[in-house]
PDB file of all heavy atoms in Angstrom:
ATOM      1  N   ALA A   1      -5.722 -22.028   8.688  1.00  0.00           N
ATOM      2  CA  ALA A   1      -6.459 -23.292   8.604  1.00  0.00           C
ATOM      3  C   ALA A   1      -5.794 -24.321   7.690  1.00  0.00           C
ATOM      4  O   ALA A   1      -5.803 -25.512   7.971  1.00  0.00           O
ATOM      5  CB  ALA A   1      -7.892 -23.039   8.144  1.00  0.00           C
ATOM      6  N   GLN A   2      -5.208 -23.888   6.579  1.00  0.00           N
ATOM      7  CA  GLN A   2      -4.658 -24.841   5.616  1.00  0.00           C
ATOM      8  C   GLN A   2      -3.130 -24.821   5.559  1.00  0.00           C
ATOM      9  O   GLN A   2      -2.536 -25.369   4.629  1.00  0.00           O
ATOM     10  CB  GLN A   2      -5.231 -24.550   4.224  1.00  0.00           C
ATOM     11  CG  GLN A   2      -6.747 -24.673   4.170  1.00  0.00           C
ATOM     12  CD  GLN A   2      -7.285 -24.495   2.766  1.00  0.00           C
ATOM     13  OE1 GLN A   2      -6.933 -25.240   1.864  1.00  0.00           O
ATOM     14  NE2 GLN A   2      -8.147 -23.530   2.581  1.00  0.00           N
ATOM     15  N   LEU A   3      -2.508 -24.221   6.568  1.00  0.00           N
ATOM     16  CA  LEU A   3      -1.058 -24.057   6.543  1.00  0.00           C
ATOM     17  C   LEU A   3      -0.350 -25.171   7.306  1.00  0.00           C
ATOM     18  O   LEU A   3      -0.862 -25.689   8.303  1.00  0.00           O
ATOM     19  CB  LEU A   3      -0.666 -22.711   7.134  1.00  0.00           C
ATOM     20  CG  LEU A   3      -1.200 -21.466   6.423  1.00  0.00           C
ATOM     21  CD1 LEU A   3      -0.722 -20.215   7.129  1.00  0.00           C
ATOM     22  CD2 LEU A   3      -0.782 -21.453   4.962  1.00  0.00           C
ATOM     23  N   ASP A   4       0.863 -25.511   6.842  1.00  0.00           N
ATOM     24  CA  ASP A   4       1.695 -26.461   7.573  1.00  0.00           C
ATOM     25  C   ASP A   4       2.183 -25.780   8.859  1.00  0.00           C
ATOM     26  O   ASP A   4       2.024 -24.567   9.040  1.00  0.00           O
ATOM     27  CB  ASP A   4       2.864 -26.939   6.711  1.00  0.00           C
ATOM     28  CG  ASP A   4       3.725 -25.807   6.184  1.00  0.00           C
ATOM     29  OD1 ASP A   4       3.972 -24.849   6.928  1.00  0.00           O
ATOM     30  OD2 ASP A   4       4.158 -25.877   5.011  1.00  0.00           O
ATOM     31  N   PRO A   5       2.767 -26.564   9.800  1.00  0.00           N
ATOM     32  CA  PRO A   5       3.176 -25.967  11.085  1.00  0.00           C
ATOM     33  C   PRO A   5       4.087 -24.757  10.941  1.00  0.00           C
ATOM     34  O   PRO A   5       3.934 -23.764  11.657  1.00  0.00           O
ATOM     35  CB  PRO A   5       3.884 -27.127  11.791  1.00  0.00           C
ATOM     36  CG  PRO A   5       3.202 -28.346  11.264  1.00  0.00           C
ATOM     37  CD  PRO A   5       2.927 -28.030   9.818  1.00  0.00           C
ATOM     38  N   SER A   6       5.048 -24.811  10.019  1.00  0.00           N
ATOM     39  CA  SER A   6       5.928 -23.668   9.813  1.00  0.00           C
ATOM     40  C   SER A   6       5.152 -22.482   9.254  1.00  0.00           C
ATOM     41  O   SER A   6       5.355 -21.339   9.670  1.00  0.00           O
ATOM     42  CB  SER A   6       7.069 -24.040   8.861  1.00  0.00           C
ATOM     43  OG  SER A   6       7.886 -22.927   8.581  1.00  0.00           O
ATOM     44  N   GLY A   7       4.248 -22.767   8.320  1.00  0.00           N
ATOM     45  CA  GLY A   7       3.430 -21.705   7.759  1.00  0.00           C
ATOM     46  C   GLY A   7       2.532 -21.054   8.791  1.00  0.00           C
ATOM     47  O   GLY A   7       2.295 -19.843   8.759  1.00  0.00           O
ATOM     48  N   GLN A   8       2.032 -21.853   9.733  1.00  0.00           N
ATOM     49  CA  GLN A   8       1.206 -21.299  10.794  1.00  0.00           C
ATOM     50  C   GLN A   8       2.004 -20.306  11.634  1.00  0.00           C
ATOM     51  O   GLN A   8       1.516 -19.230  11.988  1.00  0.00           O
ATOM     52  CB  GLN A   8       0.673 -22.429  11.672  1.00  0.00           C
ATOM     53  CG  GLN A   8      -0.353 -23.310  10.980  1.00  0.00           C
ATOM     54  CD  GLN A   8      -0.772 -24.494  11.824  1.00  0.00           C
ATOM     55  OE1 GLN A   8      -0.426 -24.591  13.003  1.00  0.00           O
ATOM     56  NE2 GLN A   8      -1.508 -25.413  11.235  1.00  0.00           N
ATOM     57  N   ARG A   9       3.240 -20.680  11.961  1.00  0.00           N
ATOM     58  CA  ARG A   9       4.082 -19.781  12.759  1.00  0.00           C
ATOM     59  C   ARG A   9       4.412 -18.510  11.985  1.00  0.00           C
ATOM     60  O   ARG A   9       4.366 -17.401  12.528  1.00  0.00           O
ATOM     61  CB  ARG A   9       5.364 -20.503  13.176  1.00  0.00           C
ATOM     62  CG  ARG A   9       5.149 -21.584  14.222  1.00  0.00           C
ATOM     63  CD  ARG A   9       6.456 -22.011  14.840  1.00  0.00           C
ATOM     64  NE  ARG A   9       6.246 -23.003  15.881  1.00  0.00           N
ATOM     65  CZ  ARG A   9       7.199 -23.453  16.686  1.00  0.00           C
ATOM     66  NH1 ARG A   9       8.438 -23.000  16.559  1.00  0.00           N
ATOM     67  NH2 ARG A   9       6.944 -24.350  17.622  1.00  0.00           N
ATOM     68  N   THR A  10       4.750 -18.683  10.699  1.00  0.00           N
ATOM     69  CA  THR A  10       5.059 -17.514   9.873  1.00  0.00           C
ATOM     70  C   THR A  10       3.862 -16.575   9.802  1.00  0.00           C
ATOM     71  O   THR A  10       3.998 -15.350   9.938  1.00  0.00           O
ATOM     72  CB  THR A  10       5.460 -17.954   8.455  1.00  0.00           C
ATOM     73  OG1 THR A  10       6.637 -18.768   8.526  1.00  0.00           O
ATOM     74  CG2 THR A  10       5.720 -16.758   7.561  1.00  0.00           C
ATOM     75  N   MET A  11       2.670 -17.165   9.601  1.00  0.00           N
ATOM     76  CA  MET A  11       1.455 -16.360   9.503  1.00  0.00           C
ATOM     77  C   MET A  11       1.193 -15.610  10.801  1.00  0.00           C
ATOM     78  O   MET A  11       0.894 -14.401  10.798  1.00  0.00           O
ATOM     79  CB  MET A  11       0.263 -17.257   9.164  1.00  0.00           C
ATOM     80  CG  MET A  11      -1.060 -16.526   9.043  1.00  0.00           C
ATOM     81  SD  MET A  11      -1.173 -15.491   7.568  1.00  0.00           S
ATOM     82  CE  MET A  11      -1.513 -16.745   6.323  1.00  0.00           C
ATOM     83  N   MET A  12       1.334 -16.304  11.928  1.00  0.00           N
ATOM     84  CA  MET A  12       1.058 -15.651  13.207  1.00  0.00           C
ATOM     85  C   MET A  12       2.090 -14.577  13.533  1.00  0.00           C
ATOM     86  O   MET A  12       1.760 -13.534  14.102  1.00  0.00           O
ATOM     87  CB  MET A  12       0.990 -16.684  14.327  1.00  0.00           C
ATOM     88  CG  MET A  12      -0.343 -17.402  14.389  1.00  0.00           C
ATOM     89  SD  MET A  12      -1.719 -16.232  14.578  1.00  0.00           S
ATOM     90  CE  MET A  12      -3.118 -17.306  14.295  1.00  0.00           C
ATOM     91  N   HIS A  13       3.342 -14.810  13.172  1.00  0.00           N
ATOM     92  CA  HIS A  13       4.362 -13.776  13.377  1.00  0.00           C
ATOM     93  C   HIS A  13       4.039 -12.537  12.535  1.00  0.00           C
ATOM     94  O   HIS A  13       4.223 -11.394  12.987  1.00  0.00           O
ATOM     95  CB  HIS A  13       5.745 -14.313  13.021  1.00  0.00           C
ATOM     96  CG  HIS A  13       6.261 -15.312  14.011  1.00  0.00           C
ATOM     97  ND1 HIS A  13       7.237 -16.232  13.711  1.00  0.00           N
ATOM     98  CD2 HIS A  13       5.936 -15.535  15.301  1.00  0.00           C
ATOM     99  CE1 HIS A  13       7.481 -16.965  14.776  1.00  0.00           C
ATOM    100  NE2 HIS A  13       6.703 -16.570  15.749  1.00  0.00           N
ATOM    101  N   LEU A  14       3.559 -12.768  11.313  1.00  0.00           N
ATOM    102  CA  LEU A  14       3.197 -11.655  10.446  1.00  0.00           C
ATOM    103  C   LEU A  14       1.997 -10.894  11.009  1.00  0.00           C
ATOM    104  O   LEU A  14       1.983  -9.656  11.035  1.00  0.00           O
ATOM    105  CB  LEU A  14       2.879 -12.175   9.042  1.00  0.00           C
ATOM    106  CG  LEU A  14       2.361 -11.160   8.025  1.00  0.00           C
ATOM    107  CD1 LEU A  14       3.324  -9.991   7.881  1.00  0.00           C
ATOM    108  CD2 LEU A  14       2.132 -11.826   6.676  1.00  0.00           C
ATOM    109  N   ILE A  15       0.994 -11.641  11.492  1.00  0.00           N
ATOM    110  CA  ILE A  15      -0.180 -10.982  12.066  1.00  0.00           C
ATOM    111  C   ILE A  15       0.204 -10.190  13.310  1.00  0.00           C
ATOM    112  O   ILE A  15      -0.291  -9.077  13.541  1.00  0.00           O
ATOM    113  CB  ILE A  15      -1.278 -12.024  12.378  1.00  0.00           C
ATOM    114  CG1 ILE A  15      -1.783 -12.655  11.077  1.00  0.00           C
ATOM    115  CG2 ILE A  15      -2.440 -11.370  13.120  1.00  0.00           C
ATOM    116  CD1 ILE A  15      -2.718 -13.830  11.290  1.00  0.00           C
ATOM    117  N   GLU A  16       1.118 -10.764  14.112  1.00  0.00           N
ATOM    118  CA  GLU A  16       1.582 -10.039  15.301  1.00  0.00           C
ATOM    119  C   GLU A  16       2.314  -8.753  14.903  1.00  0.00           C
ATOM    120  O   GLU A  16       2.172  -7.716  15.544  1.00  0.00           O
ATOM    121  CB  GLU A  16       2.488 -10.922  16.152  1.00  0.00           C
ATOM    122  CG  GLU A  16       2.902 -10.277  17.453  1.00  0.00           C
ATOM    123  CD  GLU A  16       3.622 -11.225  18.389  1.00  0.00           C
ATOM    124  OE1 GLU A  16       3.954 -12.354  17.952  1.00  0.00           O
ATOM    125  OE2 GLU A  16       3.848 -10.846  19.551  1.00  0.00           O
ATOM    126  N   GLU A  17       3.082  -8.834  13.813  1.00  0.00           N
ATOM    127  CA  GLU A  17       3.764  -7.638  13.303  1.00  0.00           C
ATOM    128  C   GLU A  17       2.743  -6.595  12.857  1.00  0.00           C
ATOM    129  O   GLU A  17       2.876  -5.400  13.140  1.00  0.00           O
ATOM    130  CB  GLU A  17       4.662  -8.041  12.132  1.00  0.00           C
ATOM    131  CG  GLU A  17       5.335  -6.888  11.419  1.00  0.00           C
ATOM    132  CD  GLU A  17       6.015  -7.336  10.137  1.00  0.00           C
ATOM    133  OE1 GLU A  17       6.627  -8.422  10.130  1.00  0.00           O
ATOM    134  OE2 GLU A  17       5.923  -6.613   9.125  1.00  0.00           O
ATOM    135  N   LEU A  18       1.684  -7.043  12.169  1.00  0.00           N
ATOM    136  CA  LEU A  18       0.639  -6.123  11.733  1.00  0.00           C
ATOM    137  C   LEU A  18      -0.087  -5.530  12.938  1.00  0.00           C
ATOM    138  O   LEU A  18      -0.496  -4.355  12.920  1.00  0.00           O
ATOM    139  CB  LEU A  18      -0.356  -6.858  10.832  1.00  0.00           C
ATOM    140  CG  LEU A  18       0.189  -7.363   9.491  1.00  0.00           C
ATOM    141  CD1 LEU A  18      -0.813  -8.297   8.827  1.00  0.00           C
ATOM    142  CD2 LEU A  18       0.511  -6.195   8.572  1.00  0.00           C
ATOM    143  N   HIS A  19      -0.257  -6.314  13.987  1.00  0.00           N
ATOM    144  CA  HIS A  19      -0.922  -5.864  15.205  1.00  0.00           C
ATOM    145  C   HIS A  19      -0.217  -4.653  15.817  1.00  0.00           C
ATOM    146  O   HIS A  19      -0.854  -3.800  16.448  1.00  0.00           O
ATOM    147  CB  HIS A  19      -0.962  -7.037  16.201  1.00  0.00           C
ATOM    148  CG  HIS A  19      -1.028  -6.641  17.631  1.00  0.00           C
ATOM    149  ND1 HIS A  19      -2.184  -6.206  18.242  1.00  0.00           N
ATOM    150  CD2 HIS A  19      -0.063  -6.621  18.590  1.00  0.00           C
ATOM    151  CE1 HIS A  19      -1.929  -5.939  19.509  1.00  0.00           C
ATOM    152  NE2 HIS A  19      -0.658  -6.180  19.752  1.00  0.00           N
ATOM    153  N   ARG A  20       1.093  -4.561  15.608  1.00  0.00           N
ATOM    154  CA  ARG A  20       1.854  -3.457  16.205  1.00  0.00           C
ATOM    155  C   ARG A  20       1.634  -2.130  15.489  1.00  0.00           C
ATOM    156  O   ARG A  20       2.041  -1.085  15.983  1.00  0.00           O
ATOM    157  CB  ARG A  20       3.348  -3.807  16.193  1.00  0.00           C
ATOM    158  CG  ARG A  20       3.702  -5.035  17.031  1.00  0.00           C
ATOM    159  CD  ARG A  20       5.208  -5.152  17.217  1.00  0.00           C
ATOM    160  NE  ARG A  20       5.563  -6.397  17.866  1.00  0.00           N
ATOM    161  CZ  ARG A  20       6.050  -7.462  17.225  1.00  0.00           C
ATOM    162  NH1 ARG A  20       6.246  -7.399  15.924  1.00  0.00           N
ATOM    163  NH2 ARG A  20       6.344  -8.562  17.876  1.00  0.00           N
ATOM    164  N   ASP A  21       1.003  -2.169  14.319  1.00  0.00           N
ATOM    165  CA  ASP A  21       0.704  -0.934  13.581  1.00  0.00           C
ATOM    166  C   ASP A  21      -0.498  -0.256  14.238  1.00  0.00           C
ATOM    167  O   ASP A  21      -1.615  -0.779  14.184  1.00  0.00           O
ATOM    168  CB  ASP A  21       0.397  -1.275  12.122  1.00  0.00           C
ATOM    169  CG  ASP A  21       0.142  -0.033  11.271  1.00  0.00           C
ATOM    170  OD1 ASP A  21      -0.034   1.074  11.834  1.00  0.00           O
ATOM    171  OD2 ASP A  21       0.104  -0.172  10.035  1.00  0.00           O
ATOM    172  N   PRO A  22      -0.303   0.900  14.868  1.00  0.00           N
ATOM    173  CA  PRO A  22      -1.409   1.536  15.608  1.00  0.00           C
ATOM    174  C   PRO A  22      -2.536   2.030  14.713  1.00  0.00           C
ATOM    175  O   PRO A  22      -3.636   2.314  15.213  1.00  0.00           O
ATOM    176  CB  PRO A  22      -0.728   2.705  16.332  1.00  0.00           C
ATOM    177  CG  PRO A  22       0.482   3.019  15.488  1.00  0.00           C
ATOM    178  CD  PRO A  22       0.941   1.701  14.937  1.00  0.00           C
ATOM    179  N   ASP A  23      -2.279   2.122  13.416  1.00  0.00           N
ATOM    180  CA  ASP A  23      -3.315   2.622  12.500  1.00  0.00           C
ATOM    181  C   ASP A  23      -4.095   1.497  11.823  1.00  0.00           C
ATOM    182  O   ASP A  23      -5.042   1.768  11.076  1.00  0.00           O
ATOM    183  CB  ASP A  23      -2.679   3.505  11.431  1.00  0.00           C
ATOM    184  CG  ASP A  23      -2.073   4.775  12.017  1.00  0.00           C
ATOM    185  OD1 ASP A  23      -2.683   5.330  12.951  1.00  0.00           O
ATOM    186  OD2 ASP A  23      -0.989   5.182  11.555  1.00  0.00           O
ATOM    187  N   LEU A  24      -3.696   0.241  12.053  1.00  0.00           N
ATOM    188  CA  LEU A  24      -4.358  -0.890  11.402  1.00  0.00           C
ATOM    189  C   LEU A  24      -5.290  -1.580  12.387  1.00  0.00           C
ATOM    190  O   LEU A  24      -4.880  -1.981  13.479  1.00  0.00           O
ATOM    191  CB  LEU A  24      -3.317  -1.885  10.878  1.00  0.00           C
ATOM    192  CG  LEU A  24      -3.874  -3.155  10.210  1.00  0.00           C
ATOM    193  CD1 LEU A  24      -4.651  -2.795   8.946  1.00  0.00           C
ATOM    194  CD2 LEU A  24      -2.753  -4.138   9.893  1.00  0.00           C
TER     195      LEU A  24
END
C-alpha cells in the first residue's frame, strides 16, 4: 500500500518466493 513502484515489485517477488515454500 505505501510502497513505490519498484518496492511493490520487490515485495510481490518476495511474496511469490514465499508462496513456493510448501510449509508456509
